[in-house]
Amino acid sequence: MCHFKSWYCDEYGYVIECEQCRHFQVCFGTTMLTLSETDYQALIEVVQKKKEDYVPMQDPNVRCVVLPTPCNMVHAVLSGKELDQLHTMLQEVDIEMRAAQLLDLFKV
C-alpha cells in the first residue's frame, strides 16, 4: 500500500510521491499520470522543452501543445496558459524536493 507525500496541490492539480515505491502521481486538469521516477524526470524535461519552444497563439486558451506520456498511444493536449501552469507546478515541486534533500543532509 502506498504512503504518499504531497509535494504540490492547487486548483489546477497536484504532485504526490509514494515514499515506498517512489512512484509519482501527477494530476493536472483532467489528466492523472502515475509515473516512475525516471518517467517523472522525463515529463519535467518534456514540459521544459515545450515551454522553451512554445510560440504564443493569439488566443492563449487554444489547446495546441501536445505532450507525450509514457504510454505511446496517450498524449495530453494543453493550451499555452495550461502549459505555463503545468510548468510552474513542476518547477515548484522541483524546488521543494531539492530543499528537502538539503535538509536531509543535516539530519542526525
N, C-alpha and C. Protein backbone atom coordinates (compact mmCIF):
# COMPACT_ATOMS: atom_id res chain seq x y z
N MET A 1 0.85 -1.18 0.00
CA MET A 1 0.00 0.00 0.00
C MET A 1 0.89 1.24 0.00
N CYS A 2 0.56 2.17 -0.84
CA CYS A 2 1.37 3.39 -0.97
C CYS A 2 1.15 4.33 0.22
N HIS A 3 2.20 5.03 0.55
CA HIS A 3 2.17 6.08 1.56
C HIS A 3 2.67 7.34 0.88
N PHE A 4 1.74 8.28 0.63
CA PHE A 4 2.06 9.43 -0.21
C PHE A 4 2.56 10.64 0.55
N LYS A 5 3.52 11.31 -0.06
CA LYS A 5 3.98 12.62 0.38
C LYS A 5 3.48 13.61 -0.66
N SER A 6 2.80 14.65 -0.20
CA SER A 6 2.29 15.67 -1.10
C SER A 6 3.36 16.73 -1.33
N TRP A 7 3.69 16.93 -2.61
CA TRP A 7 4.68 17.94 -2.96
C TRP A 7 4.04 19.24 -3.41
N TYR A 8 2.83 19.14 -3.95
CA TYR A 8 2.19 20.34 -4.50
C TYR A 8 0.70 20.07 -4.66
N CYS A 9 -0.10 21.10 -4.41
CA CYS A 9 -1.53 20.98 -4.64
C CYS A 9 -2.13 22.39 -4.78
N ASP A 10 -2.85 22.61 -5.87
CA ASP A 10 -3.60 23.84 -6.05
C ASP A 10 -4.84 23.53 -6.89
N GLU A 11 -5.53 24.55 -7.34
CA GLU A 11 -6.79 24.34 -8.07
C GLU A 11 -6.58 23.69 -9.44
N TYR A 12 -5.34 23.67 -9.94
CA TYR A 12 -5.06 23.10 -11.25
C TYR A 12 -4.61 21.65 -11.19
N GLY A 13 -4.03 21.25 -10.06
CA GLY A 13 -3.55 19.88 -9.97
C GLY A 13 -2.70 19.64 -8.75
N TYR A 14 -2.06 18.47 -8.75
CA TYR A 14 -1.20 18.11 -7.63
C TYR A 14 -0.09 17.18 -8.09
N VAL A 15 0.95 17.09 -7.24
CA VAL A 15 2.02 16.11 -7.42
C VAL A 15 2.23 15.45 -6.07
N ILE A 16 2.13 14.12 -6.05
CA ILE A 16 2.41 13.36 -4.84
C ILE A 16 3.40 12.26 -5.19
N GLU A 17 4.10 11.77 -4.16
CA GLU A 17 5.09 10.72 -4.35
C GLU A 17 4.89 9.65 -3.30
N CYS A 18 4.91 8.40 -3.70
CA CYS A 18 4.85 7.30 -2.75
C CYS A 18 6.23 7.14 -2.13
N GLU A 19 6.28 7.20 -0.81
CA GLU A 19 7.56 7.10 -0.11
C GLU A 19 8.09 5.66 -0.11
N GLN A 20 7.26 4.70 -0.48
CA GLN A 20 7.70 3.31 -0.51
C GLN A 20 8.15 2.89 -1.91
N CYS A 21 7.30 3.05 -2.91
CA CYS A 21 7.64 2.57 -4.26
C CYS A 21 8.29 3.66 -5.12
N ARG A 22 8.30 4.90 -4.62
CA ARG A 22 8.94 6.04 -5.29
C ARG A 22 8.27 6.45 -6.60
N HIS A 23 7.03 6.04 -6.79
CA HIS A 23 6.29 6.48 -7.97
C HIS A 23 5.62 7.82 -7.68
N PHE A 24 5.44 8.59 -8.74
CA PHE A 24 4.81 9.90 -8.64
C PHE A 24 3.43 9.83 -9.26
N GLN A 25 2.53 10.61 -8.71
CA GLN A 25 1.22 10.80 -9.32
C GLN A 25 1.11 12.29 -9.62
N VAL A 26 0.94 12.58 -10.90
CA VAL A 26 0.81 13.97 -11.35
C VAL A 26 -0.59 14.12 -11.91
N CYS A 27 -1.35 15.00 -11.30
CA CYS A 27 -2.70 15.28 -11.77
C CYS A 27 -2.73 16.74 -12.22
N PHE A 28 -3.19 16.94 -13.44
CA PHE A 28 -3.30 18.30 -13.96
C PHE A 28 -4.54 18.36 -14.84
N GLY A 29 -5.45 19.25 -14.51
CA GLY A 29 -6.70 19.35 -15.25
C GLY A 29 -7.47 18.05 -15.13
N THR A 30 -7.75 17.42 -16.26
CA THR A 30 -8.49 16.16 -16.24
C THR A 30 -7.58 14.95 -16.48
N THR A 31 -6.27 15.16 -16.42
CA THR A 31 -5.31 14.09 -16.68
C THR A 31 -4.57 13.73 -15.40
N MET A 32 -4.47 12.42 -15.13
CA MET A 32 -3.70 11.95 -14.00
C MET A 32 -2.74 10.89 -14.49
N LEU A 33 -1.45 11.07 -14.20
CA LEU A 33 -0.41 10.13 -14.61
C LEU A 33 0.25 9.55 -13.38
N THR A 34 0.47 8.25 -13.38
CA THR A 34 1.29 7.60 -12.36
C THR A 34 2.60 7.25 -13.05
N LEU A 35 3.70 7.78 -12.51
CA LEU A 35 4.99 7.72 -13.21
C LEU A 35 6.09 7.18 -12.31
N SER A 36 6.99 6.42 -12.91
CA SER A 36 8.22 6.04 -12.21
C SER A 36 9.05 7.31 -12.03
N GLU A 37 10.08 7.21 -11.22
CA GLU A 37 10.95 8.39 -11.02
C GLU A 37 11.59 8.81 -12.35
N THR A 38 11.98 7.84 -13.16
CA THR A 38 12.58 8.13 -14.47
C THR A 38 11.58 8.82 -15.39
N ASP A 39 10.35 8.31 -15.43
CA ASP A 39 9.31 8.91 -16.27
C ASP A 39 8.92 10.30 -15.77
N TYR A 40 8.94 10.49 -14.45
CA TYR A 40 8.63 11.81 -13.89
C TYR A 40 9.69 12.82 -14.34
N GLN A 41 10.96 12.44 -14.26
CA GLN A 41 12.04 13.33 -14.71
C GLN A 41 11.91 13.62 -16.21
N ALA A 42 11.51 12.62 -16.99
CA ALA A 42 11.31 12.82 -18.42
C ALA A 42 10.17 13.81 -18.67
N LEU A 43 9.11 13.72 -17.88
CA LEU A 43 7.99 14.67 -18.01
C LEU A 43 8.47 16.09 -17.75
N ILE A 44 9.26 16.28 -16.72
CA ILE A 44 9.79 17.61 -16.41
C ILE A 44 10.58 18.16 -17.61
N GLU A 45 11.41 17.31 -18.19
CA GLU A 45 12.23 17.72 -19.33
C GLU A 45 11.38 18.06 -20.55
N VAL A 46 10.35 17.25 -20.81
CA VAL A 46 9.46 17.49 -21.96
C VAL A 46 8.71 18.81 -21.77
N VAL A 47 8.19 19.04 -20.57
CA VAL A 47 7.45 20.28 -20.30
C VAL A 47 8.38 21.48 -20.44
N GLN A 48 9.61 21.36 -19.94
CA GLN A 48 10.58 22.45 -20.06
C GLN A 48 10.87 22.75 -21.53
N LYS A 49 11.08 21.71 -22.32
CA LYS A 49 11.38 21.88 -23.75
C LYS A 49 10.18 22.50 -24.48
N LYS A 50 8.98 22.02 -24.19
CA LYS A 50 7.77 22.58 -24.82
C LYS A 50 7.63 24.05 -24.45
N LYS A 51 7.93 24.38 -23.20
CA LYS A 51 7.83 25.78 -22.73
C LYS A 51 8.82 26.66 -23.49
N GLU A 52 10.04 26.16 -23.66
CA GLU A 52 11.07 26.93 -24.38
C GLU A 52 10.71 27.12 -25.85
N ASP A 53 10.11 26.09 -26.45
CA ASP A 53 9.81 26.12 -27.89
C ASP A 53 8.45 26.72 -28.23
N TYR A 54 7.64 26.98 -27.22
CA TYR A 54 6.26 27.42 -27.46
C TYR A 54 6.22 28.80 -28.13
N VAL A 55 5.44 28.86 -29.20
CA VAL A 55 5.19 30.13 -29.88
C VAL A 55 3.76 30.53 -29.51
N PRO A 56 3.59 31.65 -28.81
CA PRO A 56 2.25 32.03 -28.34
C PRO A 56 1.24 32.18 -29.49
N MET A 57 0.06 31.69 -29.23
CA MET A 57 -1.07 31.84 -30.15
C MET A 57 -1.77 33.15 -29.81
N GLN A 58 -2.59 33.61 -30.72
CA GLN A 58 -3.35 34.83 -30.46
C GLN A 58 -4.27 34.62 -29.26
N ASP A 59 -4.84 33.43 -29.16
CA ASP A 59 -5.70 33.08 -28.03
C ASP A 59 -4.95 32.07 -27.15
N PRO A 60 -4.53 32.48 -25.94
CA PRO A 60 -3.74 31.58 -25.08
C PRO A 60 -4.53 30.37 -24.57
N ASN A 61 -5.83 30.33 -24.84
CA ASN A 61 -6.66 29.21 -24.38
C ASN A 61 -6.82 28.11 -25.44
N VAL A 62 -6.26 28.31 -26.64
CA VAL A 62 -6.34 27.30 -27.70
C VAL A 62 -5.40 26.15 -27.34
N ARG A 63 -5.93 24.94 -27.34
CA ARG A 63 -5.13 23.76 -26.99
C ARG A 63 -4.35 23.30 -28.23
N CYS A 64 -3.06 23.59 -28.22
CA CYS A 64 -2.22 23.26 -29.38
C CYS A 64 -0.88 22.64 -28.98
N VAL A 65 -0.66 22.45 -27.68
CA VAL A 65 0.60 21.88 -27.20
C VAL A 65 0.35 20.41 -26.87
N VAL A 66 1.04 19.53 -27.58
CA VAL A 66 0.87 18.09 -27.38
C VAL A 66 2.03 17.57 -26.54
N LEU A 67 1.69 16.97 -25.39
CA LEU A 67 2.70 16.38 -24.51
C LEU A 67 2.60 14.87 -24.58
N PRO A 68 3.70 14.20 -24.91
CA PRO A 68 3.67 12.74 -24.89
C PRO A 68 3.65 12.24 -23.45
N THR A 69 3.17 11.03 -23.28
CA THR A 69 3.19 10.37 -21.97
C THR A 69 3.96 9.06 -22.13
N PRO A 70 4.27 8.37 -21.03
CA PRO A 70 4.96 7.08 -21.16
C PRO A 70 4.17 6.05 -21.99
N CYS A 71 2.88 6.22 -22.08
CA CYS A 71 2.05 5.35 -22.92
C CYS A 71 2.02 5.97 -24.32
N ASN A 72 2.61 5.28 -25.30
CA ASN A 72 2.76 5.84 -26.64
C ASN A 72 1.45 6.24 -27.30
N MET A 73 0.35 5.68 -26.86
CA MET A 73 -0.93 5.97 -27.50
C MET A 73 -1.74 7.04 -26.76
N VAL A 74 -1.15 7.63 -25.72
CA VAL A 74 -1.85 8.65 -24.93
C VAL A 74 -1.00 9.92 -24.89
N HIS A 75 -1.63 11.05 -25.21
CA HIS A 75 -0.97 12.35 -25.15
C HIS A 75 -1.87 13.33 -24.40
N ALA A 76 -1.27 14.28 -23.74
CA ALA A 76 -2.02 15.37 -23.13
C ALA A 76 -1.97 16.55 -24.09
N VAL A 77 -3.07 17.25 -24.22
CA VAL A 77 -3.12 18.42 -25.10
C VAL A 77 -3.45 19.63 -24.23
N LEU A 78 -2.57 20.61 -24.26
CA LEU A 78 -2.68 21.79 -23.40
C LEU A 78 -2.70 23.08 -24.21
N SER A 79 -3.27 24.09 -23.60
CA SER A 79 -3.17 25.44 -24.15
C SER A 79 -1.86 26.05 -23.65
N GLY A 80 -1.48 27.18 -24.21
CA GLY A 80 -0.30 27.88 -23.73
C GLY A 80 -0.43 28.25 -22.26
N LYS A 81 -1.61 28.68 -21.88
CA LYS A 81 -1.87 29.04 -20.48
C LYS A 81 -1.71 27.82 -19.57
N GLU A 82 -2.25 26.68 -20.01
CA GLU A 82 -2.13 25.45 -19.21
C GLU A 82 -0.67 24.98 -19.16
N LEU A 83 0.06 25.13 -20.26
CA LEU A 83 1.48 24.78 -20.27
C LEU A 83 2.23 25.60 -19.23
N ASP A 84 1.94 26.90 -19.16
CA ASP A 84 2.56 27.76 -18.14
C ASP A 84 2.24 27.25 -16.74
N GLN A 85 0.97 26.90 -16.50
CA GLN A 85 0.55 26.43 -15.18
C GLN A 85 1.24 25.12 -14.81
N LEU A 86 1.30 24.18 -15.76
CA LEU A 86 1.96 22.90 -15.50
C LEU A 86 3.45 23.10 -15.27
N HIS A 87 4.07 23.93 -16.07
CA HIS A 87 5.49 24.22 -15.91
C HIS A 87 5.76 24.82 -14.53
N THR A 88 4.96 25.77 -14.12
CA THR A 88 5.12 26.38 -12.79
C THR A 88 4.97 25.34 -11.70
N MET A 89 3.95 24.49 -11.82
CA MET A 89 3.71 23.45 -10.82
C MET A 89 4.94 22.53 -10.70
N LEU A 90 5.46 22.06 -11.82
CA LEU A 90 6.60 21.15 -11.79
C LEU A 90 7.87 21.83 -11.28
N GLN A 91 8.05 23.10 -11.60
CA GLN A 91 9.21 23.84 -11.10
C GLN A 91 9.13 24.03 -9.58
N GLU A 92 7.95 24.32 -9.08
CA GLU A 92 7.78 24.48 -7.64
C GLU A 92 8.02 23.17 -6.91
N VAL A 93 7.58 22.06 -7.50
CA VAL A 93 7.85 20.74 -6.91
C VAL A 93 9.36 20.50 -6.88
N ASP A 94 10.04 20.81 -7.96
CA ASP A 94 11.49 20.62 -8.03
C ASP A 94 12.19 21.40 -6.92
N ILE A 95 11.78 22.62 -6.70
CA ILE A 95 12.37 23.45 -5.63
C ILE A 95 12.12 22.81 -4.27
N GLU A 96 10.88 22.36 -4.03
CA GLU A 96 10.55 21.71 -2.75
C GLU A 96 11.37 20.45 -2.54
N MET A 97 11.51 19.64 -3.59
CA MET A 97 12.26 18.40 -3.47
C MET A 97 13.74 18.66 -3.20
N ARG A 98 14.30 19.64 -3.86
CA ARG A 98 15.71 19.98 -3.64
C ARG A 98 15.93 20.51 -2.21
N ALA A 99 14.99 21.31 -1.73
CA ALA A 99 15.09 21.82 -0.35
C ALA A 99 15.02 20.67 0.64
N ALA A 100 14.14 19.71 0.40
CA ALA A 100 14.01 18.54 1.29
C ALA A 100 15.31 17.72 1.28
N GLN A 101 15.92 17.57 0.11
CA GLN A 101 17.19 16.84 0.02
C GLN A 101 18.27 17.53 0.81
N LEU A 102 18.31 18.86 0.73
CA LEU A 102 19.31 19.62 1.51
C LEU A 102 19.08 19.46 3.00
N LEU A 103 17.82 19.54 3.42
CA LEU A 103 17.51 19.38 4.84
C LEU A 103 17.87 17.99 5.34
N ASP A 104 17.70 16.98 4.49
CA ASP A 104 18.07 15.61 4.87
C ASP A 104 19.54 15.47 5.14
N LEU A 105 20.36 16.30 4.52
CA LEU A 105 21.82 16.26 4.76
C LEU A 105 22.17 16.62 6.20
N PHE A 106 21.30 17.40 6.84
CA PHE A 106 21.59 17.88 8.19
C PHE A 106 20.91 17.06 9.28
N LYS A 107 20.18 16.03 8.88
CA LYS A 107 19.54 15.16 9.87
C LYS A 107 20.58 14.30 10.56
N VAL A 108 20.42 14.14 11.84
CA VAL A 108 21.36 13.31 12.61
C VAL A 108 20.84 11.91 12.75
